[in-house]
Amino acid sequence: MYENGKIRGVDLIGDGVPNILTECFSNEGSHFNIWGGANSEEKLLHRYTYLDMDLEPSCTENDKISNLGLLDLK
């Protein structure tokens, strides 16, 4: 989906609302998130991968909160 000629997000669910994919790093791993909703503020999926190395953290508190998203298996 485009906004002003730039990619705004990818419609992964097929509901016409673009989803935003983000990845950031905590001290020892990677946090991958898919966001949706009207303002892309609803977390749909969160995955954490432990990388067994010291990393420079780049996550905000909201990025690395490991609560389940709507698409996560419960």
C-alpha atoms as a PDB file:
ATOM      1  CA  MET A   1       0.000   0.000   0.000  1.00  0.00           C
ATOM      2  CA  TYR A   2       1.329   3.392  -0.904  1.00  0.00           C
ATOM      3  CA  GLU A   3       0.958   6.813   0.628  1.00  0.00           C
ATOM      4  CA  ASN A   4       2.441   9.811  -1.209  1.00  0.00           C
ATOM      5  CA  GLY A   5       4.397   7.454  -3.467  1.00  0.00           C
ATOM      6  CA  LYS A   6       6.095   5.694  -0.538  1.00  0.00           C
ATOM      7  CA  ILE A   7       5.417   2.261   0.892  1.00  0.00           C
ATOM      8  CA  ARG A   8       3.377   2.677   4.069  1.00  0.00           C
ATOM      9  CA  GLY A   9       2.955  -1.000   4.888  1.00  0.00           C
ATOM     10  CA  VAL A  10       1.934  -4.370   3.517  1.00  0.00           C
ATOM     11  CA  ASP A  11      -1.608  -5.705   3.794  1.00  0.00           C
ATOM     12  CA  LEU A  12      -0.836  -9.154   5.216  1.00  0.00           C
ATOM     13  CA  ILE A  13      -4.371  -9.984   6.357  1.00  0.00           C
ATOM     14  CA  GLY A  14      -6.309  -8.784   3.305  1.00  0.00           C
ATOM     15  CA  ASP A  15      -8.507  -6.290   5.136  1.00  0.00           C
ATOM     16  CA  GLY A  16      -7.257  -3.222   3.248  1.00  0.00           C
ATOM     17  CA  VAL A  17      -5.321  -1.961   6.280  1.00  0.00           C
ATOM     18  CA  PRO A  18      -1.529  -1.881   5.879  1.00  0.00           C
ATOM     19  CA  ASN A  19       0.481  -3.799   8.455  1.00  0.00           C
ATOM     20  CA  ILE A  20       3.853  -2.545   9.665  1.00  0.00           C
ATOM     21  CA  LEU A  21       6.762  -4.926  10.295  1.00  0.00           C
ATOM     22  CA  THR A  22       9.428  -3.886  12.807  1.00  0.00           C
ATOM     23  CA  GLU A  23      12.549  -5.484  14.232  1.00  0.00           C
ATOM     24  CA  CYS A  24      14.719  -4.221  17.049  1.00  0.00           C
ATOM     25  CA  PHE A  25      17.338  -5.618  19.391  1.00  0.00           C
ATOM     26  CA  SER A  26      17.518  -6.035  23.149  1.00  0.00           C
ATOM     27  CA  ASN A  27      20.703  -6.955  25.046  1.00  0.00           C
ATOM     28  CA  GLU A  28      20.774 -10.570  23.837  1.00  0.00           C
ATOM     29  CA  GLY A  29      18.148 -11.025  21.137  1.00  0.00           C
ATOM     30  CA  SER A  30      15.924  -9.791  18.342  1.00  0.00           C
ATOM     31  CA  HIS A  31      12.276  -8.723  18.671  1.00  0.00           C
ATOM     32  CA  PHE A  32      10.148  -8.999  15.505  1.00  0.00           C
ATOM     33  CA  ASN A  33       6.673  -7.442  15.533  1.00  0.00           C
ATOM     34  CA  ILE A  34       3.775  -7.099  13.105  1.00  0.00           C
ATOM     35  CA  TRP A  35       1.462  -4.170  13.843  1.00  0.00           C
ATOM     36  CA  GLY A  36      -2.066  -3.527  12.563  1.00  0.00           C
ATOM     37  CA  GLY A  37      -5.221  -1.616  13.335  1.00  0.00           C
ATOM     38  CA  ALA A  38      -6.314   1.823  12.207  1.00  0.00           C
ATOM     39  CA  ASN A  39      -3.112   3.531  13.389  1.00  0.00           C
ATOM     40  CA  SER A  40      -0.814   0.478  13.280  1.00  0.00           C
ATOM     41  CA  GLU A  41      -0.719   0.518  17.087  1.00  0.00           C
ATOM     42  CA  GLU A  42      -2.240  -2.933  17.650  1.00  0.00           C
ATOM     43  CA  LYS A  43       0.369  -5.679  18.047  1.00  0.00           C
ATOM     44  CA  LEU A  44      -0.636  -8.663  15.922  1.00  0.00           C
ATOM     45  CA  LEU A  45       2.448 -10.832  16.316  1.00  0.00           C
ATOM     46  CA  HIS A  46       5.612 -10.825  18.446  1.00  0.00           C
ATOM     47  CA  ARG A  47       8.575 -13.139  18.058  1.00  0.00           C
ATOM     48  CA  TYR A  48      11.750 -13.098  20.140  1.00  0.00           C
ATOM     49  CA  THR A  49      14.916 -14.823  19.005  1.00  0.00           C
ATOM     50  CA  TYR A  50      17.726 -15.336  21.504  1.00  0.00           C
ATOM     51  CA  LEU A  51      21.026 -14.679  19.703  1.00  0.00           C
ATOM     52  CA  ASP A  52      23.520 -15.605  22.470  1.00  0.00           C
ATOM     53  CA  MET A  53      25.630 -12.466  22.019  1.00  0.00           C
ATOM     54  CA  ASP A  54      25.868  -8.987  23.474  1.00  0.00           C
ATOM     55  CA  LEU A  55      24.004  -6.479  21.322  1.00  0.00           C
ATOM     56  CA  GLU A  56      23.479  -2.739  21.364  1.00  0.00           C
ATOM     57  CA  PRO A  57      19.825  -2.347  22.429  1.00  0.00           C
ATOM     58  CA  SER A  58      17.608  -0.477  19.959  1.00  0.00           C
ATOM     59  CA  CYS A  59      14.129  -1.418  21.225  1.00  0.00           C
ATOM     60  CA  THR A  60      11.707   0.912  22.929  1.00  0.00           C
ATOM     61  CA  GLU A  61       9.723  -0.525  25.824  1.00  0.00           C
ATOM     62  CA  ASN A  62       6.700  -0.970  23.535  1.00  0.00           C
ATOM     63  CA  ASP A  63       8.743  -2.914  20.940  1.00  0.00           C
ATOM     64  CA  LYS A  64      10.092  -5.508  23.331  1.00  0.00           C
ATOM     65  CA  ILE A  65       7.039  -6.096  25.494  1.00  0.00           C
ATOM     66  CA  SER A  66       6.556  -9.768  24.858  1.00  0.00           C
ATOM     67  CA  ASN A  67       2.802  -9.923  25.309  1.00  0.00           C
ATOM     68  CA  LEU A  68       1.048 -12.072  22.747  1.00  0.00           C
ATOM     69  CA  GLY A  69      -0.369 -10.430  19.661  1.00  0.00           C
ATOM     70  CA  LEU A  70      -3.692 -11.357  18.098  1.00  0.00           C
ATOM     71  CA  LEU A  71      -2.035 -13.766  15.648  1.00  0.00           C
ATOM     72  CA  ASP A  72       0.213 -15.483  18.207  1.00  0.00           C
ATOM     73  CA  LEU A  73      -0.712 -19.025  19.161  1.00  0.00           C
ATOM     74  CA  LYS A  74      -1.949 -19.170  22.715  1.00  0.00           C
END
